[in-house]
Amino acid sequence: MFVLPCLKCPRLTFPPSRVPWTRLFALRHTMTSETASIVAKSIALVGAGPSGVAAAKYLLAEKAFDKIVLFEQRSRSGGIWNYTADQTAEDLFTIPQINPRSRNKDELWIGNPPYDVARNSNGSGSPHKDISFVSPMYEKLETNIPRGLMGFQDLDWPEDSQLFPTHQTVLQYIDDYGKDIQHLVEYRTQVVNAEPTSNSPHSSWRVRVRHLETSEEQESNFDALIVANGHFIVPFIPDIRDIRDWNTKHAGRIHHSKYYRRPEDYKGLKTIVVGNSASGADISAQVAAHCATPLIWSSKSVSLFSATHSSGKAPRREVPPIKRFIPEKRGVEFEDGTIESNIDAIIFATGYFYSLPFLENVKPALITDGSHVSHTYQHVFFAPQPTLSFLALNQRVIPFPIAEAQASVVARVYSGRLSLPPLAEMQKWEQDTVAEVGNGRNFHLLPFPKDGNYLNAMSQWALSASPRKGLDNEGKGKVPPIWGEWEFWCRENFPAIRRAFGEFGERRHQIKSIGEVGFSFEKSKKEKALIEGEVI
């Protein structure tokens, strides 16, 4: 058995089926003198959401960089966890929305004129004026992931926070996590363009930013660029037959989940929710309690989240995808031939494009159809010029610890303690991944247990770096998360845990632990051992 340590439970191991991907380890073992070594002294980071903040901490821990700048267009850290209650539209939204290529988003100034803006320790503005960008957070959003699995490894959640935290709790948690990197952040600063300064694989990057308070632009060169701006910016709405005509005749009735805020807004309205992801399941469950019944829930297949986000006594009628819109009836026809007329509202919970408008000049193109980011190695490094990297592109994952594991590798690569394989091997990794899962939306998906295996593989890669005198942990540097038995158990069972949590109704807000909803790791472990004929 290949044994990986669990940092929280050192005595635990997990079975060979959950050992990290052998393909990654095979590549690591071939890293010889032929590999590319990068030594950067200046780093630009884009985005002070959870991934960007994590990256800043791992970069600082390397004690190797003369300059680290974290650019954030908002007035505070937290990224999309900043709830924008009254912003339910933006000019980049069209119906249908089928083009992943967008421009940089325009800010919205809230309050008085933009002069006399004060900043406190976390960068948030004074009441005089604040900058806002639309966030997909909605009023009653609670996480899908229990807090013990979701968080950063070196910061506990507040003891009084519920098992599946609210978005307000998560935002404060990110703020607390990032308190020690605030000196690196330039708030209200939008990256409008970034491109390599040469064709070299080790090229530096020319980064142009716009200071939103003054609209002045500024260019600087950095040895490496890390992009952590997320992938919940450009909504996707499919081009279904006659949707344009329907929207013209009945403007304002088609929305995307990005702009959904409160279920009460749909009181008494005949409503269709399209999409069966976590947001589609949660929003349809919320709206079903207020809209004309039953809510109509359209999807291609049975939702994995229908059980975790029950609508309770409020009925949801599940129907196939929409085949066509019928403008004259304010209706739609579904693929099974049924027709619904006099529709008041349609919410498309159909996901987002990957979109990188400030990297449009990078060649070969990073974005083609918007389904994924092309030319990446291990979902992180831009293989042709790996001084550009990305964090948290993956979906169906636990994002905070994944970002930590990725950041631990990126920081060590850019400090020169880890090397990357030759370009041909990095390209082969992408080709093999395409052969396995396709060259579309599945590319960055890591459904369980791939996500845990990937996290451990990245962290073990980081920990294989040569020790350096002066770094913490006997020269190893900041130690990334490694999942053990508990984490794999919790990850596998959290849909059932989430369902049990939801069944408590309003009482769920008082639930702090997994045990309170009837789940026990130790009990499950013993039951599994008995089934397998072992004795513990």
Protein backbone atom coordinates (compact mmCIF):
# COMPACT_ATOMS: atom_id res chain seq x y z
CA MET A 1 0.00 0.00 0.00
CA PHE A 2 1.22 3.47 -0.90
CA VAL A 3 0.67 5.49 2.27
CA LEU A 4 -0.07 9.21 2.31
CA PRO A 5 -0.18 10.97 5.66
CA CYS A 6 -3.27 12.77 6.88
CA LEU A 7 -2.13 16.01 8.51
CA LYS A 8 -5.12 16.01 10.85
CA CYS A 9 -4.97 12.26 11.59
CA PRO A 10 -1.33 11.12 11.09
CA ARG A 11 -2.05 7.47 11.75
CA LEU A 12 -4.65 7.17 9.02
CA THR A 13 -3.99 5.93 5.51
CA PHE A 14 -6.24 5.38 2.55
CA PRO A 15 -6.39 2.52 0.07
CA PRO A 16 -4.54 2.29 -3.25
CA SER A 17 -7.69 3.13 -5.22
CA ARG A 18 -7.45 6.60 -3.76
CA VAL A 19 -3.77 7.17 -4.27
CA PRO A 20 -3.22 10.26 -6.47
CA TRP A 21 -3.22 9.92 -10.22
CA THR A 22 -0.26 7.83 -11.33
CA ARG A 23 -0.02 9.94 -14.47
CA LEU A 24 0.98 12.98 -12.41
CA PHE A 25 3.50 11.01 -10.37
CA ALA A 26 4.94 9.46 -13.51
CA LEU A 27 5.56 12.92 -14.87
CA ARG A 28 7.09 14.02 -11.61
CA HIS A 29 9.53 11.13 -11.63
CA THR A 30 10.72 12.10 -15.13
CA MET A 31 11.66 15.63 -14.10
CA THR A 32 15.37 15.62 -14.95
CA SER A 33 17.83 18.18 -16.27
CA GLU A 34 15.68 18.46 -19.38
CA THR A 35 12.93 20.12 -17.40
CA ALA A 36 12.22 23.83 -17.23
CA SER A 37 13.22 25.68 -14.08
CA ILE A 38 11.64 29.08 -13.45
CA VAL A 39 13.02 31.61 -11.01
CA ALA A 40 10.73 34.63 -10.71
CA LYS A 41 11.30 37.67 -8.54
CA SER A 42 8.10 39.61 -9.27
CA ILE A 43 4.60 38.13 -9.31
CA ALA A 44 1.26 39.61 -10.36
CA LEU A 45 -1.89 38.01 -9.00
CA VAL A 46 -5.36 38.68 -10.44
CA GLY A 47 -8.28 38.41 -8.03
CA ALA A 48 -8.51 38.59 -4.23
CA GLY A 49 -11.14 35.90 -3.91
CA PRO A 50 -10.34 32.77 -1.88
CA SER A 51 -7.95 31.38 -4.50
CA GLY A 52 -6.00 34.61 -4.92
CA VAL A 53 -5.68 35.09 -1.17
CA ALA A 54 -4.46 31.50 -0.77
CA ALA A 55 -1.89 32.03 -3.52
CA ALA A 56 -0.59 35.18 -1.86
CA LYS A 57 -0.02 33.29 1.40
CA TYR A 58 1.91 30.49 -0.31
CA LEU A 59 3.99 32.99 -2.28
CA LEU A 60 4.90 34.90 0.89
CA ALA A 61 5.84 31.65 2.60
CA GLU A 62 8.52 30.98 -0.04
CA LYS A 63 10.44 34.12 1.02
CA ALA A 64 11.79 34.28 -2.52
CA PHE A 65 10.05 37.18 -4.24
CA ASP A 66 10.97 40.86 -4.29
CA LYS A 67 7.52 41.99 -5.42
CA ILE A 68 4.06 40.43 -5.11
CA VAL A 69 1.05 42.49 -6.17
CA LEU A 70 -2.52 41.23 -5.87
CA PHE A 71 -4.87 43.21 -8.12
CA GLU A 72 -8.53 43.28 -7.08
CA GLN A 73 -11.23 45.28 -8.88
CA ARG A 74 -13.61 45.25 -5.92
CA SER A 75 -13.21 47.27 -2.74
CA ARG A 76 -12.62 44.23 -0.55
CA SER A 77 -11.48 40.63 -0.71
CA GLY A 78 -13.83 37.69 -1.11
CA GLY A 79 -14.53 37.69 -4.85
CA ILE A 80 -17.99 36.44 -5.74
CA TRP A 81 -18.82 35.95 -2.06
CA ASN A 82 -19.52 39.69 -1.96
CA TYR A 83 -23.33 39.76 -2.12
CA THR A 84 -24.76 42.43 -4.45
CA ALA A 85 -28.37 42.48 -3.31
CA ASP A 86 -29.74 45.11 -5.67
CA GLN A 87 -27.70 44.36 -8.78
CA THR A 88 -29.74 42.03 -10.96
CA ALA A 89 -28.53 42.99 -14.44
CA GLU A 90 -25.41 44.04 -16.32
CA ASP A 91 -24.58 45.11 -19.84
CA LEU A 92 -22.63 41.98 -20.74
CA PHE A 93 -25.82 39.88 -20.49
CA THR A 94 -27.70 39.01 -23.70
CA ILE A 95 -30.42 36.51 -24.63
CA PRO A 96 -29.27 34.05 -25.81
CA GLN A 97 -25.78 34.24 -24.32
CA ILE A 98 -23.60 32.04 -26.52
CA ASN A 99 -20.39 34.04 -26.87
CA PRO A 100 -17.72 33.41 -24.23
CA ARG A 101 -15.69 36.38 -25.36
CA SER A 102 -16.58 39.38 -23.32
CA ARG A 103 -14.96 42.60 -22.34
CA ASN A 104 -13.79 43.66 -18.92
CA LYS A 105 -16.77 44.38 -16.71
CA ASP A 106 -17.72 47.96 -15.92
CA GLU A 107 -17.87 48.88 -12.29
CA LEU A 108 -20.92 50.35 -10.57
CA TRP A 109 -20.32 53.22 -8.16
CA ILE A 110 -22.64 53.15 -5.18
CA GLY A 111 -23.06 56.21 -2.97
CA ASN A 112 -21.66 59.72 -3.33
CA PRO A 113 -19.03 60.93 -5.85
CA PRO A 114 -15.85 58.88 -6.03
CA TYR A 115 -13.56 61.35 -4.29
CA ASP A 116 -12.72 61.07 -0.60
CA VAL A 117 -12.72 57.26 -0.54
CA ALA A 118 -11.26 55.79 2.62
CA ARG A 119 -9.92 52.26 2.96
CA ASN A 120 -9.79 50.15 6.05
CA SER A 121 -7.57 47.16 6.77
CA ASN A 122 -9.33 44.80 4.39
CA GLY A 123 -9.73 47.34 1.63
CA SER A 124 -13.44 48.00 1.97
CA GLY A 125 -14.50 51.54 1.23
CA SER A 126 -16.02 54.17 3.45
CA PRO A 127 -19.74 55.03 3.18
CA HIS A 128 -18.83 57.91 0.83
CA LYS A 129 -18.49 55.73 -2.23
CA ASP A 130 -17.97 52.10 -3.11
CA ILE A 131 -17.36 50.03 -6.21
CA SER A 132 -19.48 47.02 -6.96
CA PHE A 133 -19.45 44.22 -9.51
CA VAL A 134 -22.36 41.82 -9.96
CA SER A 135 -22.03 38.64 -7.92
CA PRO A 136 -24.02 35.41 -8.38
CA MET A 137 -24.67 35.20 -4.62
CA TYR A 138 -28.34 35.19 -3.62
CA GLU A 139 -29.96 36.15 -0.36
CA LYS A 140 -30.59 32.70 1.10
CA LEU A 141 -27.57 30.90 -0.30
CA GLU A 142 -25.96 28.32 1.97
CA THR A 143 -22.97 26.27 0.94
CA ASN A 144 -23.28 22.76 -0.46
CA ILE A 145 -20.18 21.70 1.46
CA PRO A 146 -19.89 21.18 5.22
CA ARG A 147 -17.56 23.66 6.80
CA GLY A 148 -15.05 21.07 8.08
CA LEU A 149 -14.34 19.97 4.54
CA MET A 150 -14.71 23.33 2.82
CA GLY A 151 -12.23 25.52 4.67
CA PHE A 152 -8.58 26.41 4.52
CA GLN A 153 -6.44 24.04 6.52
CA ASP A 154 -4.93 26.64 8.87
CA LEU A 155 -8.10 28.54 9.82
CA ASP A 156 -11.03 27.10 11.72
CA TRP A 157 -14.57 28.30 11.12
CA PRO A 158 -16.28 30.33 13.83
CA GLU A 159 -17.67 27.95 16.44
CA ASP A 160 -21.15 29.46 16.16
CA SER A 161 -21.40 29.07 12.35
CA GLN A 162 -23.84 26.52 11.01
CA LEU A 163 -22.68 23.25 9.46
CA PHE A 164 -23.32 24.52 5.93
CA PRO A 165 -22.37 28.19 6.24
CA THR A 166 -24.27 31.15 4.83
CA HIS A 167 -22.62 33.36 2.24
CA GLN A 168 -22.15 36.07 4.89
CA THR A 169 -20.17 33.67 7.06
CA VAL A 170 -18.01 32.58 4.12
CA LEU A 171 -17.18 36.18 3.19
CA GLN A 172 -16.08 36.96 6.74
CA TYR A 173 -14.08 33.73 6.81
CA ILE A 174 -12.18 34.76 3.66
CA ASP A 175 -11.56 38.21 5.14
CA ASP A 176 -10.11 36.64 8.28
CA TYR A 177 -7.95 34.27 6.25
CA GLY A 178 -6.48 37.12 4.23
CA LYS A 179 -5.68 39.59 7.01
CA ASP A 180 -1.94 38.99 6.78
CA ILE A 181 -1.67 39.62 3.02
CA GLN A 182 -3.51 42.96 2.83
CA HIS A 183 -0.27 44.86 2.27
CA LEU A 184 0.02 43.10 -1.12
CA VAL A 185 -3.43 44.07 -2.42
CA GLU A 186 -4.27 46.95 -4.74
CA TYR A 187 -8.04 47.31 -4.45
CA ARG A 188 -10.25 49.05 -7.01
CA THR A 189 -7.68 48.09 -9.64
CA GLN A 190 -8.82 46.19 -12.72
CA VAL A 191 -6.45 44.21 -14.95
CA VAL A 192 -7.46 45.23 -18.49
CA ASN A 193 -4.73 43.45 -20.46
CA ALA A 194 -1.83 41.09 -19.92
CA GLU A 195 0.49 39.64 -22.53
CA PRO A 196 3.97 38.11 -22.68
CA THR A 197 6.87 40.39 -23.43
CA SER A 198 8.55 37.79 -25.68
CA ASN A 199 8.04 34.38 -27.26
CA SER A 200 10.26 32.70 -24.68
CA PRO A 201 8.71 29.97 -22.52
CA HIS A 202 10.04 31.95 -19.54
CA SER A 203 8.73 35.28 -20.79
CA SER A 204 7.82 38.00 -18.36
CA TRP A 205 4.36 39.58 -18.55
CA ARG A 206 3.31 43.11 -19.33
CA VAL A 207 0.27 43.86 -17.20
CA ARG A 208 -1.91 46.91 -17.80
CA VAL A 209 -4.30 47.94 -15.05
CA ARG A 210 -6.96 50.62 -14.67
CA HIS A 211 -7.32 52.41 -11.36
CA LEU A 212 -11.07 52.61 -11.07
CA GLU A 213 -11.18 55.70 -8.85
CA THR A 214 -9.33 57.82 -11.42
CA SER A 215 -9.69 55.78 -14.66
CA GLU A 216 -5.93 56.13 -15.08
CA GLU A 217 -4.10 53.20 -16.67
CA GLN A 218 -0.68 51.91 -15.76
CA GLU A 219 1.64 49.23 -17.17
CA SER A 220 4.17 47.13 -15.29
CA ASN A 221 6.24 44.04 -16.06
CA PHE A 222 6.20 40.95 -13.86
CA ASP A 223 8.21 37.75 -14.09
CA ALA A 224 5.08 35.63 -13.61
CA LEU A 225 1.30 36.09 -13.69
CA ILE A 226 -1.20 34.06 -11.64
CA VAL A 227 -4.88 34.32 -12.62
CA ALA A 228 -7.40 33.62 -9.86
CA ASN A 229 -10.41 35.62 -11.06
CA GLY A 230 -12.90 32.73 -11.06
CA HIS A 231 -15.24 31.45 -13.75
CA PHE A 232 -18.64 32.82 -12.76
CA ILE A 233 -18.63 35.94 -14.90
CA VAL A 234 -20.18 35.34 -18.33
CA PRO A 235 -23.52 33.46 -18.09
CA PHE A 236 -24.48 30.82 -20.62
CA ILE A 237 -28.02 30.81 -22.04
CA PRO A 238 -28.52 28.37 -24.96
CA ASP A 239 -29.78 29.47 -28.34
CA ILE A 240 -33.09 27.63 -28.28
CA ARG A 241 -35.43 28.01 -31.24
CA ASP A 242 -37.37 31.33 -31.18
CA ILE A 243 -35.86 32.49 -27.88
CA ARG A 244 -34.87 35.83 -29.39
CA ASP A 245 -38.36 36.59 -30.66
CA TRP A 246 -39.89 35.47 -27.36
CA ASN A 247 -37.55 37.74 -25.40
CA THR A 248 -38.33 40.70 -27.67
CA LYS A 249 -42.07 40.28 -27.24
CA HIS A 250 -41.88 39.49 -23.51
CA ALA A 251 -38.84 41.45 -22.34
CA GLY A 252 -37.67 41.05 -18.78
CA ARG A 253 -39.11 37.58 -18.22
CA ILE A 254 -35.97 35.56 -19.03
CA HIS A 255 -33.21 35.65 -16.41
CA HIS A 256 -30.04 33.81 -15.50
CA SER A 257 -29.34 32.44 -12.03
CA LYS A 258 -26.48 34.94 -11.73
CA TYR A 259 -29.10 37.65 -11.26
CA TYR A 260 -31.46 35.71 -8.99
CA ARG A 261 -31.69 37.19 -5.49
CA ARG A 262 -34.91 36.37 -3.60
CA PRO A 263 -37.64 33.72 -4.03
CA GLU A 264 -40.31 36.23 -2.98
CA ASP A 265 -39.73 38.07 -6.27
CA TYR A 266 -41.58 35.20 -7.98
CA LYS A 267 -44.65 35.20 -5.76
CA GLY A 268 -47.66 33.94 -7.71
CA LEU A 269 -45.72 33.79 -10.99
CA LYS A 270 -45.80 30.81 -13.34
CA THR A 271 -42.10 29.96 -13.31
CA ILE A 272 -39.72 27.65 -15.15
CA VAL A 273 -36.22 26.91 -13.83
CA VAL A 274 -33.86 25.43 -16.43
CA GLY A 275 -30.84 23.42 -15.25
CA ASN A 276 -30.19 20.71 -12.69
CA SER A 277 -26.89 21.74 -11.13
CA ALA A 278 -26.60 22.79 -7.49
CA SER A 279 -27.87 26.30 -8.22
CA GLY A 280 -30.75 25.00 -10.33
CA ALA A 281 -31.80 22.59 -7.59
CA ASP A 282 -31.49 25.16 -4.81
CA ILE A 283 -33.17 28.03 -6.66
CA SER A 284 -36.02 25.84 -7.89
CA ALA A 285 -36.59 24.61 -4.33
CA GLN A 286 -36.67 28.17 -3.00
CA VAL A 287 -38.91 29.59 -5.72
CA ALA A 288 -41.31 26.62 -5.56
CA ALA A 289 -42.48 27.82 -2.15
CA HIS A 290 -43.61 31.18 -3.56
CA CYS A 291 -44.45 30.86 -7.27
CA ALA A 292 -47.63 29.55 -8.87
CA THR A 293 -47.59 25.81 -8.26
CA PRO A 294 -46.15 23.62 -9.40
CA LEU A 295 -42.81 25.12 -10.31
CA ILE A 296 -41.68 23.68 -13.64
CA TRP A 297 -38.14 22.32 -13.49
CA SER A 298 -36.60 21.60 -16.88
CA SER A 299 -33.44 19.51 -17.20
CA LYS A 300 -31.69 16.98 -19.40
CA SER A 301 -31.45 14.35 -16.67
CA VAL A 302 -32.33 13.65 -13.07
CA SER A 303 -30.46 16.10 -10.88
CA LEU A 304 -27.76 14.85 -8.55
CA PHE A 305 -28.86 17.66 -6.23
CA SER A 306 -32.63 17.08 -6.19
CA ALA A 307 -32.31 15.13 -2.96
CA THR A 308 -29.89 17.57 -1.33
CA HIS A 309 -32.12 20.56 -2.10
CA SER A 310 -35.62 19.33 -1.44
CA SER A 311 -38.50 21.71 -2.07
CA GLY A 312 -40.32 20.23 0.91
CA LYS A 313 -44.08 20.38 0.52
CA ALA A 314 -43.84 22.83 -2.38
CA PRO A 315 -44.24 20.82 -5.61
CA ARG A 316 -41.76 20.84 -8.47
CA ARG A 317 -42.75 19.22 -11.76
CA GLU A 318 -39.73 17.86 -13.58
CA VAL A 319 -39.88 18.13 -17.38
CA PRO A 320 -37.47 17.56 -20.30
CA PRO A 321 -35.43 20.34 -21.93
CA ILE A 322 -37.18 23.15 -23.79
CA LYS A 323 -37.48 22.36 -27.50
CA ARG A 324 -38.74 25.76 -28.67
CA PHE A 325 -40.23 29.00 -27.47
CA ILE A 326 -43.76 30.02 -28.57
CA PRO A 327 -43.88 33.84 -28.50
CA GLU A 328 -47.57 34.19 -29.41
CA LYS A 329 -48.59 32.07 -26.41
CA ARG A 330 -45.86 33.33 -24.08
CA GLY A 331 -45.16 29.64 -23.91
CA VAL A 332 -42.66 26.87 -24.50
CA GLU A 333 -42.72 23.39 -25.92
CA PHE A 334 -40.67 20.71 -24.21
CA GLU A 335 -38.92 17.82 -25.94
CA ASP A 336 -41.70 15.42 -24.98
CA GLY A 337 -44.21 17.55 -26.93
CA THR A 338 -45.98 19.09 -23.95
CA ILE A 339 -46.67 22.83 -24.08
CA GLU A 340 -46.92 25.36 -21.27
CA SER A 341 -48.41 28.80 -21.97
CA ASN A 342 -48.62 32.13 -20.12
CA ILE A 343 -45.18 31.78 -18.59
CA ASP A 344 -44.31 34.68 -16.29
CA ALA A 345 -40.64 33.97 -15.58
CA ILE A 346 -37.86 31.68 -16.78
CA ILE A 347 -34.62 31.30 -14.81
CA PHE A 348 -31.73 29.68 -16.67
CA ALA A 349 -29.41 28.00 -14.18
CA THR A 350 -27.25 26.79 -17.05
CA GLY A 351 -23.79 27.72 -15.88
CA TYR A 352 -21.07 29.99 -17.18
CA PHE A 353 -18.44 30.28 -19.86
CA TYR A 354 -14.77 30.40 -19.06
CA SER A 355 -13.88 33.93 -20.11
CA LEU A 356 -10.56 35.79 -19.92
CA PRO A 357 -11.02 39.13 -21.71
CA PHE A 358 -7.74 40.57 -20.40
CA LEU A 359 -5.80 37.64 -21.93
CA GLU A 360 -7.22 37.88 -25.46
CA ASN A 361 -3.77 38.69 -26.90
CA VAL A 362 -2.19 35.49 -25.57
CA LYS A 363 -1.37 32.93 -28.27
CA PRO A 364 -2.25 30.15 -28.73
CA ALA A 365 -5.73 31.15 -27.62
CA LEU A 366 -6.74 30.22 -24.10
CA ILE A 367 -10.46 30.45 -24.80
CA THR A 368 -12.15 28.86 -27.83
CA ASP A 369 -15.77 27.87 -27.18
CA GLY A 370 -15.68 28.85 -23.51
CA SER A 371 -16.05 25.28 -22.25
CA HIS A 372 -12.58 25.20 -20.69
CA VAL A 373 -9.19 26.90 -20.71
CA SER A 374 -6.96 25.43 -23.41
CA HIS A 375 -3.25 24.56 -23.29
CA THR A 376 -3.06 24.01 -19.53
CA TYR A 377 -0.91 21.50 -17.71
CA GLN A 378 -2.49 19.92 -14.62
CA HIS A 379 -5.29 22.52 -15.01
CA VAL A 380 -2.78 25.11 -13.78
CA PHE A 381 0.15 26.08 -16.02
CA PHE A 382 -0.13 27.57 -19.52
CA ALA A 383 2.12 24.98 -21.12
CA PRO A 384 3.62 27.14 -23.94
CA GLN A 385 4.60 29.84 -21.42
CA PRO A 386 4.24 28.47 -17.88
CA THR A 387 5.10 31.79 -16.26
CA LEU A 388 1.32 32.18 -16.67
CA SER A 389 -0.80 30.01 -14.39
CA PHE A 390 -4.39 29.62 -13.22
CA LEU A 391 -6.02 28.60 -9.97
CA ALA A 392 -9.33 26.84 -9.29
CA LEU A 393 -10.42 26.27 -12.89
CA ASN A 394 -11.80 22.91 -11.82
CA GLN A 395 -15.44 22.15 -11.10
CA ARG A 396 -17.14 19.41 -9.04
CA VAL A 397 -14.41 19.99 -6.46
CA ILE A 398 -13.97 21.44 -2.98
CA PRO A 399 -12.52 24.74 -4.19
CA PHE A 400 -10.68 26.22 -1.18
CA PRO A 401 -8.36 23.25 -0.48
CA ILE A 402 -7.91 22.62 -4.21
CA ALA A 403 -6.76 26.22 -4.61
CA GLU A 404 -4.35 25.73 -1.71
CA ALA A 405 -2.84 22.59 -3.24
CA GLN A 406 -2.44 24.28 -6.62
CA ALA A 407 -1.01 27.44 -5.06
CA SER A 408 1.55 25.38 -3.13
CA VAL A 409 2.87 23.99 -6.42
CA VAL A 410 2.81 27.33 -8.26
CA ALA A 411 4.70 29.10 -5.48
CA ARG A 412 7.41 26.45 -5.40
CA VAL A 413 7.74 26.40 -9.20
CA TYR A 414 8.13 30.17 -9.39
CA SER A 415 10.62 30.22 -6.51
CA GLY A 416 12.74 27.64 -8.36
CA ARG A 417 12.24 24.81 -5.87
CA LEU A 418 10.21 22.71 -8.33
CA SER A 419 10.68 22.20 -12.06
CA LEU A 420 8.12 21.54 -14.76
CA PRO A 421 8.46 18.76 -17.35
CA PRO A 422 9.36 19.60 -20.96
CA LEU A 423 6.70 21.17 -23.16
CA ALA A 424 6.09 17.91 -25.01
CA GLU A 425 5.21 16.13 -21.77
CA MET A 426 2.94 18.95 -20.63
CA GLN A 427 1.15 18.85 -23.98
CA LYS A 428 0.83 15.07 -23.73
CA TRP A 429 -0.91 15.49 -20.38
CA GLU A 430 -3.53 17.70 -22.05
CA GLN A 431 -3.89 15.28 -24.98
CA ASP A 432 -4.35 12.34 -22.62
CA THR A 433 -6.96 14.26 -20.64
CA VAL A 434 -8.86 15.13 -23.81
CA ALA A 435 -8.75 11.48 -24.85
CA GLU A 436 -10.18 10.49 -21.50
CA VAL A 437 -12.92 13.09 -20.94
CA GLY A 438 -13.21 15.10 -24.17
CA ASN A 439 -12.28 18.60 -25.25
CA GLY A 440 -15.30 20.36 -23.79
CA ARG A 441 -17.03 21.07 -20.50
CA ASN A 442 -15.78 17.84 -18.92
CA PHE A 443 -12.14 18.87 -19.25
CA HIS A 444 -11.89 20.63 -15.88
CA LEU A 445 -14.41 18.40 -14.09
CA LEU A 446 -13.02 16.32 -11.23
CA PRO A 447 -15.96 14.36 -9.79
CA PHE A 448 -15.28 12.35 -6.65
CA PRO A 449 -12.88 10.67 -6.03
CA LYS A 450 -10.81 12.37 -8.74
CA ASP A 451 -10.90 15.64 -6.82
CA GLY A 452 -9.37 14.17 -3.67
CA ASN A 453 -6.77 12.21 -5.62
CA TYR A 454 -5.82 15.32 -7.56
CA LEU A 455 -5.57 17.44 -4.42
CA ASN A 456 -3.26 14.91 -2.77
CA ALA A 457 -1.16 14.53 -5.89
CA MET A 458 -0.61 18.29 -6.16
CA SER A 459 0.20 18.60 -2.47
CA GLN A 460 2.64 15.69 -2.59
CA TRP A 461 4.27 17.25 -5.64
CA ALA A 462 4.70 20.47 -3.68
CA LEU A 463 6.14 18.62 -0.70
CA SER A 464 8.71 16.93 -2.96
CA ALA A 465 10.43 20.29 -3.45
CA SER A 466 13.96 20.61 -2.18
CA PRO A 467 14.08 22.11 1.31
CA ARG A 468 15.46 25.63 1.57
CA LYS A 469 17.16 27.09 4.60
CA GLY A 470 15.10 29.72 6.34
CA LEU A 471 11.68 28.35 5.39
CA ASP A 472 9.14 27.07 7.89
CA ASN A 473 8.64 23.37 8.64
CA GLU A 474 12.35 22.49 8.52
CA GLY A 475 12.82 24.17 5.17
CA LYS A 476 9.80 22.60 3.48
CA GLY A 477 7.79 25.83 3.48
CA LYS A 478 4.06 26.20 3.95
CA VAL A 479 2.50 22.73 4.04
CA PRO A 480 -0.52 22.23 1.75
CA PRO A 481 -3.61 20.18 2.64
CA ILE A 482 -3.61 16.41 2.28
CA TRP A 483 -6.81 14.41 2.53
CA GLY A 484 -6.99 11.32 4.68
CA GLU A 485 -9.78 8.88 5.41
CA TRP A 486 -12.07 11.41 7.10
CA GLU A 487 -11.93 13.87 4.20
CA PHE A 488 -12.62 11.18 1.60
CA TRP A 489 -15.50 9.86 3.72
CA CYS A 490 -16.99 13.33 4.18
CA ARG A 491 -16.57 14.19 0.49
CA GLU A 492 -18.31 10.98 -0.56
CA ASN A 493 -21.18 11.44 1.89
CA PHE A 494 -21.77 15.19 1.92
CA PRO A 495 -24.76 15.05 -0.47
CA ALA A 496 -26.56 12.84 2.04
CA ILE A 497 -25.33 15.02 4.90
CA ARG A 498 -26.64 18.11 3.08
CA ARG A 499 -30.02 16.45 2.56
CA ALA A 500 -30.29 15.57 6.23
CA PHE A 501 -29.29 19.12 7.17
CA GLY A 502 -32.02 20.60 4.95
CA GLU A 503 -34.67 18.37 6.46
CA PHE A 504 -34.32 20.23 9.76
CA GLY A 505 -35.94 23.29 8.19
CA GLU A 506 -35.34 26.48 10.17
CA ARG A 507 -33.74 24.44 12.96
CA ARG A 508 -30.80 23.78 10.64
CA HIS A 509 -29.34 27.17 11.57
CA GLN A 510 -28.52 25.76 15.02
CA ILE A 511 -26.70 22.69 13.69
CA LYS A 512 -22.92 22.93 13.98
CA SER A 513 -21.63 19.39 13.43
CA ILE A 514 -22.10 16.39 11.16
CA GLY A 515 -22.97 14.24 14.16
CA GLU A 516 -26.04 16.38 14.84
CA VAL A 517 -27.60 15.24 11.54
CA GLY A 518 -26.92 11.57 12.24
CA PHE A 519 -23.58 10.88 10.55
CA SER A 520 -20.48 9.42 12.18
CA PHE A 521 -17.14 8.74 10.53
CA GLU A 522 -16.08 6.25 13.20
CA LYS A 523 -19.37 4.37 12.94
CA SER A 524 -19.14 4.25 9.15
CA LYS A 525 -15.57 3.03 9.38
CA LYS A 526 -16.54 0.17 11.70
CA GLU A 527 -19.53 -0.78 9.54
CA LYS A 528 -17.34 -0.85 6.46
CA ALA A 529 -14.79 -3.03 8.23
CA LEU A 530 -17.49 -5.49 9.24
CA ILE A 531 -18.77 -5.67 5.69
CA GLU A 532 -15.27 -6.32 4.41
CA GLY A 533 -14.77 -9.02 7.07
CA GLU A 534 -12.23 -7.07 9.09
CA VAL A 535 -12.17 -6.48 12.83
CA ILE A 536 -11.21 -3.13 14.26
